[in-house]
């Protein structure tokens, strides 16, 4: 399921990039000099309203997939951590023997000059 969401999210990202690049900017009249003024494919109203609505719909899908991926990633990582946690063996460390206090102290290292 997680992999399907990632693939869907990547596809939505690419579609959103393409739709934004298809839209005419504020300097669209400059493109008319190179033959880009024909917008009869989208009807007489032009591509503005169609691409605007399509951009809004794809942006909403992008946000939803982002939220779902964030939610599943956070719960997925915590469940993986819980699965990897191994039971800790309660081993007691040996207590120092009373004879340890009677051992000679380690002489200090000679000072280097």
Protein backbone atom coordinates (compact mmCIF):
# COMPACT_ATOMS: atom_id res chain seq x y z
CA UNK A 1 0.00 0.00 0.00
CA UNK A 2 2.83 2.36 0.89
CA UNK A 3 4.55 1.72 -2.45
CA UNK A 4 1.34 2.38 -4.37
CA UNK A 5 0.96 5.72 -2.57
CA UNK A 6 4.52 6.71 -3.41
CA UNK A 7 4.02 5.85 -7.09
CA UNK A 8 0.73 7.78 -7.17
CA UNK A 9 2.39 10.75 -5.48
CA UNK A 10 5.23 10.81 -8.02
CA UNK A 11 2.77 10.64 -10.93
CA UNK A 12 0.72 13.48 -9.45
CA UNK A 13 3.91 15.53 -9.04
CA UNK A 14 4.83 15.06 -12.68
CA UNK A 15 1.32 15.90 -13.88
CA UNK A 16 1.26 19.02 -11.72
CA UNK A 17 4.58 20.16 -13.15
CA UNK A 18 3.35 19.63 -16.71
CA UNK A 19 0.07 21.47 -16.10
CA UNK A 20 1.85 24.45 -14.56
CA UNK A 21 4.27 24.59 -17.48
CA UNK A 22 1.37 24.47 -19.98
CA UNK A 23 -0.28 27.53 -18.50
CA UNK A 24 0.25 30.85 -20.17
CA UNK A 25 2.11 33.34 -18.03
CA UNK A 26 1.52 37.07 -17.79
CA UNK A 27 3.82 37.64 -20.74
CA UNK A 28 1.83 35.29 -22.99
CA UNK A 29 1.51 37.91 -25.69
CA UNK A 30 5.24 37.62 -26.27
CA UNK A 31 4.74 34.01 -27.34
CA UNK A 32 2.32 35.10 -30.05
CA UNK A 33 5.27 36.36 -32.07
CA UNK A 34 6.50 32.78 -32.38
CA UNK A 35 3.16 31.29 -33.38
CA UNK A 36 1.91 30.32 -29.91
CA UNK A 37 -1.25 32.38 -29.97
CA UNK A 38 -3.57 29.64 -31.24
CA UNK A 39 -5.60 28.26 -28.31
CA UNK A 40 -8.47 26.72 -30.25
CA UNK A 41 -7.87 23.31 -28.66
CA UNK A 42 -9.51 24.44 -25.41
CA UNK A 43 -12.36 26.40 -26.98
CA UNK A 44 -13.04 30.10 -27.38
CA UNK A 45 -12.48 30.87 -23.68
CA UNK A 46 -8.92 29.66 -23.99
CA UNK A 47 -6.93 27.39 -21.75
CA UNK A 48 -7.13 29.66 -18.74
CA UNK A 49 -10.21 28.30 -16.99
CA UNK A 50 -9.68 24.67 -17.95
CA UNK A 51 -6.03 24.57 -16.90
CA UNK A 52 -6.81 26.59 -13.79
CA UNK A 53 -9.41 24.09 -12.62
CA UNK A 54 -7.19 21.16 -13.55
CA UNK A 55 -4.29 22.69 -11.62
CA UNK A 56 -6.48 23.14 -8.54
CA UNK A 57 -7.73 19.54 -8.70
CA UNK A 58 -4.25 18.05 -9.13
CA UNK A 59 -2.87 20.30 -6.38
CA UNK A 60 -5.56 19.01 -3.99
CA UNK A 61 -4.66 15.41 -4.88
CA UNK A 62 -0.99 16.25 -4.33
CA UNK A 63 -1.70 17.66 -0.87
CA UNK A 64 -3.83 14.68 0.11
CA UNK A 65 -1.21 12.16 -0.99
CA UNK A 66 1.43 14.17 0.88
CA UNK A 67 -0.62 14.06 4.08
CA UNK A 68 -1.38 10.35 3.74
CA UNK A 69 2.27 9.52 3.05
CA UNK A 70 3.38 11.55 6.05
CA UNK A 71 0.88 9.82 8.31
CA UNK A 72 1.74 6.32 7.10
CA UNK A 73 5.49 6.99 7.23
CA UNK A 74 5.32 8.14 10.84
CA UNK A 75 3.27 5.13 11.92
CA UNK A 76 5.30 2.77 9.79
CA UNK A 77 8.61 3.83 11.32
CA UNK A 78 7.34 3.49 14.88
CA UNK A 79 5.96 0.02 14.17
CA UNK A 80 9.28 -1.02 12.61
CA UNK A 81 11.14 0.20 15.67
CA UNK A 82 8.83 -1.80 17.92
CA UNK A 83 9.34 -4.93 15.81
CA UNK A 84 13.12 -4.64 15.94
CA UNK A 85 13.25 -4.19 19.69
CA UNK A 86 14.56 -7.35 21.27
CA UNK A 87 13.79 -8.41 24.83
CA UNK A 88 16.55 -7.43 27.19
CA UNK A 89 18.01 -10.22 29.29
CA UNK A 90 18.22 -9.11 32.84
CA UNK A 91 21.76 -10.04 33.69
CA UNK A 92 23.14 -8.79 36.95
CA UNK A 93 26.64 -7.48 36.89
CA UNK A 94 28.98 -9.10 39.37
CA UNK A 95 29.47 -7.05 42.49
CA UNK A 96 33.00 -6.08 43.33
CA UNK A 97 34.51 -8.39 45.88
CA UNK A 98 35.68 -7.06 49.24
CA UNK A 99 39.22 -8.02 48.25
CA UNK A 100 39.11 -5.45 45.38
CA UNK A 101 39.64 -2.64 47.87
CA UNK A 102 42.88 -4.26 49.05
CA UNK A 103 44.44 -4.38 45.55
CA UNK A 104 47.38 -2.04 45.04
CA UNK A 105 46.60 1.23 43.36
CA UNK A 106 47.91 1.86 39.89
CA UNK A 107 50.93 4.13 40.15
CA UNK A 108 50.58 7.50 38.40
CA UNK A 109 52.19 7.88 35.01
CA UNK A 110 55.47 9.79 34.97
CA UNK A 111 55.14 13.39 33.92
CA UNK A 112 56.38 14.07 30.43
CA UNK A 113 58.69 17.00 29.89
